[in-house]
Amino acid sequence: AAEVARSLGPLPSGAAEGARGVELLRGLFGLVRGAARCRKPANVDDGVVQVRTSVEGRSVLIHRAVLGAVSPMMRARFSGSFADSVGVSSTIIDAATFDPVVVYGAVEFAYIGSCRVPLTELAPLWCLADFWGFEALAEAVERAWSSLPVHRSLQIMSGIDAEA
């Protein structure tokens, strides 16, 4: 499946618009998830990067083009603007300070424009969005947080309700 996705190349402009585009991106996201299960290390030629998370070096895969499209900082990194932009280090994004649920949520949002994370992970998700310069995700988290009743927000922030 990953070979098929790679062989398709970049999306034509306008292909990811509307309901048909959403379905296309969902399918692409599914292919990346499936490739992650194969545990094949990312290769510079794959157009895929590994995002390493905090739990036992687990990784989430995402296409460089997708991450660059949602994050100006990552786009600059992939274009060679940073010291670690070349070689093997260019295929690995260190997100070790973030839980895999948060990283997976950010990757899912990058592909399909929505994600589901526990309420207790909204603050870390916003921090990751801010760290990556992923404005659309940061704004979505802010909207979700502001829609909560004040008492619920305070419960989550204080850790009173760990099952949020």
C-alpha atoms as a PDB file:
ATOM      1  CA  ALA A   1       0.000   0.000   0.000  1.00  0.00           C
ATOM      2  CA  ALA A   2       2.812   2.411   0.832  1.00  0.00           C
ATOM      3  CA  GLU A   3       4.436   1.704  -2.556  1.00  0.00           C
ATOM      4  CA  VAL A   4       1.156   2.523  -4.295  1.00  0.00           C
ATOM      5  CA  ALA A   5       0.877   5.820  -2.408  1.00  0.00           C
ATOM      6  CA  ARG A   6       4.461   6.718  -3.307  1.00  0.00           C
ATOM      7  CA  SER A   7       3.911   5.890  -6.960  1.00  0.00           C
ATOM      8  CA  LEU A   8       1.007   8.354  -7.141  1.00  0.00           C
ATOM      9  CA  GLY A   9       3.349  11.291  -6.541  1.00  0.00           C
ATOM     10  CA  PRO A  10       2.190  14.711  -5.403  1.00  0.00           C
ATOM     11  CA  LEU A  11      -1.471  15.695  -5.512  1.00  0.00           C
ATOM     12  CA  PRO A  12      -2.468  17.897  -8.423  1.00  0.00           C
ATOM     13  CA  SER A  13      -3.479  21.396  -7.330  1.00  0.00           C
ATOM     14  CA  GLY A  14      -7.119  21.533  -6.274  1.00  0.00           C
ATOM     15  CA  ALA A  15      -7.382  17.736  -5.900  1.00  0.00           C
ATOM     16  CA  ALA A  16      -7.848  17.897  -2.148  1.00  0.00           C
ATOM     17  CA  GLU A  17     -10.809  20.263  -2.206  1.00  0.00           C
ATOM     18  CA  GLY A  18     -14.372  19.318  -1.303  1.00  0.00           C
ATOM     19  CA  ALA A  19     -15.781  15.995  -0.120  1.00  0.00           C
ATOM     20  CA  ARG A  20     -13.853  14.006  -2.715  1.00  0.00           C
ATOM     21  CA  GLY A  21     -10.596  15.560  -1.523  1.00  0.00           C
ATOM     22  CA  VAL A  22     -11.398  14.726   2.098  1.00  0.00           C
ATOM     23  CA  GLU A  23     -11.915  11.092   1.136  1.00  0.00           C
ATOM     24  CA  LEU A  24      -8.634  11.111  -0.789  1.00  0.00           C
ATOM     25  CA  LEU A  25      -6.758  12.499   2.217  1.00  0.00           C
ATOM     26  CA  ARG A  26      -8.435  10.001   4.565  1.00  0.00           C
ATOM     27  CA  GLY A  27      -7.253   7.196   2.291  1.00  0.00           C
ATOM     28  CA  LEU A  28      -3.731   8.597   2.223  1.00  0.00           C
ATOM     29  CA  PHE A  29      -3.767   8.848   6.011  1.00  0.00           C
ATOM     30  CA  GLY A  30      -4.882   5.200   6.183  1.00  0.00           C
ATOM     31  CA  LEU A  31      -1.986   4.169   3.936  1.00  0.00           C
ATOM     32  CA  VAL A  32       0.493   5.964   6.184  1.00  0.00           C
ATOM     33  CA  ARG A  33      -1.002   4.277   9.257  1.00  0.00           C
ATOM     34  CA  GLY A  34      -0.702   0.913   7.533  1.00  0.00           C
ATOM     35  CA  ALA A  35       2.905   1.579   6.550  1.00  0.00           C
ATOM     36  CA  ALA A  36       3.699   2.452  10.173  1.00  0.00           C
ATOM     37  CA  ARG A  37       2.608  -1.037  11.208  1.00  0.00           C
ATOM     38  CA  CYS A  38       5.233  -2.519   8.865  1.00  0.00           C
ATOM     39  CA  ARG A  39       7.967  -0.877  10.987  1.00  0.00           C
ATOM     40  CA  LYS A  40      10.007  -0.046   7.882  1.00  0.00           C
ATOM     41  CA  PRO A  41      12.343   2.833   8.740  1.00  0.00           C
ATOM     42  CA  ALA A  42      11.709   6.015   6.804  1.00  0.00           C
ATOM     43  CA  ASN A  43      14.039   6.694   3.935  1.00  0.00           C
ATOM     44  CA  VAL A  44      14.935  10.118   2.552  1.00  0.00           C
ATOM     45  CA  ASP A  45      13.520   9.090  -0.835  1.00  0.00           C
ATOM     46  CA  ASP A  46      10.158   7.967   0.603  1.00  0.00           C
ATOM     47  CA  GLY A  47       8.880  11.493   1.182  1.00  0.00           C
ATOM     48  CA  VAL A  48       7.872  10.247   4.644  1.00  0.00           C
ATOM     49  CA  VAL A  49       9.280  11.341   7.987  1.00  0.00           C
ATOM     50  CA  GLN A  50       9.156   9.623  11.353  1.00  0.00           C
ATOM     51  CA  VAL A  51       7.886  11.694  14.259  1.00  0.00           C
ATOM     52  CA  ARG A  52       9.425  10.117  17.359  1.00  0.00           C
ATOM     53  CA  THR A  53       7.284  10.311  20.475  1.00  0.00           C
ATOM     54  CA  SER A  54       7.892  10.025  24.207  1.00  0.00           C
ATOM     55  CA  VAL A  55       6.977   6.372  24.685  1.00  0.00           C
ATOM     56  CA  GLU A  56       9.762   3.854  24.008  1.00  0.00           C
ATOM     57  CA  GLY A  57      10.874   5.569  20.811  1.00  0.00           C
ATOM     58  CA  ARG A  58       7.527   4.942  19.091  1.00  0.00           C
ATOM     59  CA  SER A  59       7.116   6.758  15.811  1.00  0.00           C
ATOM     60  CA  VAL A  60       4.239   8.136  13.802  1.00  0.00           C
ATOM     61  CA  LEU A  61       4.753   8.510  10.046  1.00  0.00           C
ATOM     62  CA  ILE A  62       3.684  11.553   8.034  1.00  0.00           C
ATOM     63  CA  HIS A  63       4.429  12.692   4.499  1.00  0.00           C
ATOM     64  CA  ARG A  64       6.913  15.554   4.336  1.00  0.00           C
ATOM     65  CA  ALA A  65       4.641  17.424   1.915  1.00  0.00           C
ATOM     66  CA  VAL A  66       1.685  17.216   4.300  1.00  0.00           C
ATOM     67  CA  LEU A  67       3.664  18.379   7.333  1.00  0.00           C
ATOM     68  CA  GLY A  68       5.293  21.149   5.290  1.00  0.00           C
ATOM     69  CA  ALA A  69       1.881  22.297   4.039  1.00  0.00           C
ATOM     70  CA  VAL A  70       0.536  22.836   7.563  1.00  0.00           C
ATOM     71  CA  SER A  71       3.716  24.073   9.242  1.00  0.00           C
ATOM     72  CA  PRO A  72       5.882  26.881   7.851  1.00  0.00           C
ATOM     73  CA  MET A  73       8.608  25.871  10.315  1.00  0.00           C
ATOM     74  CA  MET A  74       8.656  22.281   9.019  1.00  0.00           C
ATOM     75  CA  ARG A  75       8.535  23.514   5.409  1.00  0.00           C
ATOM     76  CA  ALA A  76      11.690  25.558   6.116  1.00  0.00           C
ATOM     77  CA  ARG A  77      13.312  22.546   7.771  1.00  0.00           C
ATOM     78  CA  PHE A  78      12.580  20.283   4.817  1.00  0.00           C
ATOM     79  CA  SER A  79      13.812  22.875   2.322  1.00  0.00           C
ATOM     80  CA  GLY A  80      17.269  22.780   3.880  1.00  0.00           C
ATOM     81  CA  SER A  81      17.042  25.911   6.015  1.00  0.00           C
ATOM     82  CA  PHE A  82      18.143  24.125   9.216  1.00  0.00           C
ATOM     83  CA  ALA A  83      21.391  22.353  10.098  1.00  0.00           C
ATOM     84  CA  ASP A  84      19.569  19.019  10.558  1.00  0.00           C
ATOM     85  CA  SER A  85      17.786  19.247   7.202  1.00  0.00           C
ATOM     86  CA  VAL A  86      19.980  16.746   5.380  1.00  0.00           C
ATOM     87  CA  GLY A  87      20.738  13.051   5.679  1.00  0.00           C
ATOM     88  CA  VAL A  88      19.098  10.624   8.081  1.00  0.00           C
ATOM     89  CA  SER A  89      18.218  13.368  10.576  1.00  0.00           C
ATOM     90  CA  SER A  90      15.942  14.919   7.942  1.00  0.00           C
ATOM     91  CA  THR A  91      13.694  11.843   8.158  1.00  0.00           C
ATOM     92  CA  ILE A  92      13.223  12.053  11.929  1.00  0.00           C
ATOM     93  CA  ILE A  93      11.291  14.720  13.828  1.00  0.00           C
ATOM     94  CA  ASP A  94      11.903  14.629  17.568  1.00  0.00           C
ATOM     95  CA  ALA A  95       8.643  15.026  19.495  1.00  0.00           C
ATOM     96  CA  ALA A  96       9.874  13.110  22.557  1.00  0.00           C
ATOM     97  CA  THR A  97       8.284  15.588  24.944  1.00  0.00           C
ATOM     98  CA  PHE A  98       4.819  14.706  23.614  1.00  0.00           C
ATOM     99  CA  ASP A  99       2.666  11.660  24.228  1.00  0.00           C
ATOM    100  CA  PRO A 100       1.928   9.488  21.149  1.00  0.00           C
ATOM    101  CA  VAL A 101      -1.805  10.331  21.435  1.00  0.00           C
ATOM    102  CA  VAL A 102      -0.952  14.011  20.985  1.00  0.00           C
ATOM    103  CA  VAL A 103       1.420  13.434  18.061  1.00  0.00           C
ATOM    104  CA  TYR A 104      -1.043  11.069  16.376  1.00  0.00           C
ATOM    105  CA  GLY A 105      -3.804  13.674  16.836  1.00  0.00           C
ATOM    106  CA  ALA A 106      -1.654  16.373  15.197  1.00  0.00           C
ATOM    107  CA  VAL A 107      -0.800  14.074  12.272  1.00  0.00           C
ATOM    108  CA  GLU A 108      -4.452  13.093  11.845  1.00  0.00           C
ATOM    109  CA  PHE A 109      -5.438  16.785  11.839  1.00  0.00           C
ATOM    110  CA  ALA A 110      -2.772  17.512   9.207  1.00  0.00           C
ATOM    111  CA  TYR A 111      -4.319  14.930   6.867  1.00  0.00           C
ATOM    112  CA  ILE A 112      -8.055  15.327   7.414  1.00  0.00           C
ATOM    113  CA  GLY A 113      -8.581  18.599   9.283  1.00  0.00           C
ATOM    114  CA  SER A 114      -9.957  17.011  12.440  1.00  0.00           C
ATOM    115  CA  CYS A 115      -8.862  14.682  15.195  1.00  0.00           C
ATOM    116  CA  ARG A 116     -10.138  13.120  18.390  1.00  0.00           C
ATOM    117  CA  VAL A 117      -8.038  13.354  21.534  1.00  0.00           C
ATOM    118  CA  PRO A 118      -9.032  13.112  25.195  1.00  0.00           C
ATOM    119  CA  LEU A 119      -9.899  16.490  26.721  1.00  0.00           C
ATOM    120  CA  THR A 120      -6.906  16.123  29.026  1.00  0.00           C
ATOM    121  CA  GLU A 121      -4.660  16.216  25.941  1.00  0.00           C
ATOM    122  CA  LEU A 122      -5.943  19.542  24.577  1.00  0.00           C
ATOM    123  CA  ALA A 123      -3.233  21.595  26.294  1.00  0.00           C
ATOM    124  CA  PRO A 124      -0.364  19.334  25.107  1.00  0.00           C
ATOM    125  CA  LEU A 125      -1.913  19.297  21.609  1.00  0.00           C
ATOM    126  CA  TRP A 126      -1.931  23.110  21.580  1.00  0.00           C
ATOM    127  CA  CYS A 127       1.715  23.112  22.765  1.00  0.00           C
ATOM    128  CA  LEU A 128       2.708  20.787  19.903  1.00  0.00           C
ATOM    129  CA  ALA A 129       0.809  22.953  17.404  1.00  0.00           C
ATOM    130  CA  ASP A 130       2.600  26.030  18.747  1.00  0.00           C
ATOM    131  CA  PHE A 131       5.981  24.256  18.680  1.00  0.00           C
ATOM    132  CA  TRP A 132       5.521  23.210  15.042  1.00  0.00           C
ATOM    133  CA  GLY A 133       3.896  26.505  13.974  1.00  0.00           C
ATOM    134  CA  PHE A 134       0.750  24.576  13.007  1.00  0.00           C
ATOM    135  CA  GLU A 135      -1.698  27.512  13.207  1.00  0.00           C
ATOM    136  CA  ALA A 136      -4.841  25.709  12.005  1.00  0.00           C
ATOM    137  CA  LEU A 137      -4.476  23.071  14.720  1.00  0.00           C
ATOM    138  CA  ALA A 138      -3.736  25.672  17.411  1.00  0.00           C
ATOM    139  CA  GLU A 139      -6.879  27.579  16.419  1.00  0.00           C
ATOM    140  CA  ALA A 140      -8.977  24.389  16.437  1.00  0.00           C
ATOM    141  CA  VAL A 141      -7.720  23.506  19.923  1.00  0.00           C
ATOM    142  CA  GLU A 142      -8.485  27.037  21.135  1.00  0.00           C
ATOM    143  CA  ARG A 143     -12.047  26.760  19.749  1.00  0.00           C
ATOM    144  CA  ALA A 144     -12.537  23.369  21.415  1.00  0.00           C
ATOM    145  CA  TRP A 145     -11.177  24.637  24.734  1.00  0.00           C
ATOM    146  CA  SER A 146     -13.310  27.806  24.659  1.00  0.00           C
ATOM    147  CA  SER A 147     -16.457  25.754  24.018  1.00  0.00           C
ATOM    148  CA  LEU A 148     -16.040  23.905  27.332  1.00  0.00           C
ATOM    149  CA  PRO A 149     -17.856  25.138  30.425  1.00  0.00           C
ATOM    150  CA  VAL A 150     -15.491  27.004  32.761  1.00  0.00           C
ATOM    151  CA  HIS A 151     -15.896  24.473  35.581  1.00  0.00           C
ATOM    152  CA  ARG A 152     -14.983  21.631  33.186  1.00  0.00           C
ATOM    153  CA  SER A 153     -11.854  23.478  32.022  1.00  0.00           C
ATOM    154  CA  LEU A 154     -10.805  24.017  35.632  1.00  0.00           C
ATOM    155  CA  GLN A 155     -11.371  20.331  36.445  1.00  0.00           C
ATOM    156  CA  ILE A 156      -9.168  19.271  33.538  1.00  0.00           C
ATOM    157  CA  MET A 157      -6.416  21.760  34.350  1.00  0.00           C
ATOM    158  CA  SER A 158      -6.363  20.732  38.015  1.00  0.00           C
ATOM    159  CA  GLY A 159      -6.388  17.006  37.217  1.00  0.00           C
ATOM    160  CA  ILE A 160      -9.500  16.427  39.319  1.00  0.00           C
ATOM    161  CA  ASP A 161     -11.180  14.442  36.565  1.00  0.00           C
ATOM    162  CA  ALA A 162      -8.479  12.183  35.137  1.00  0.00           C
ATOM    163  CA  GLU A 163     -11.038  10.323  32.991  1.00  0.00           C
ATOM    164  CA  ALA A 164     -11.975  13.352  30.875  1.00  0.00           C
END
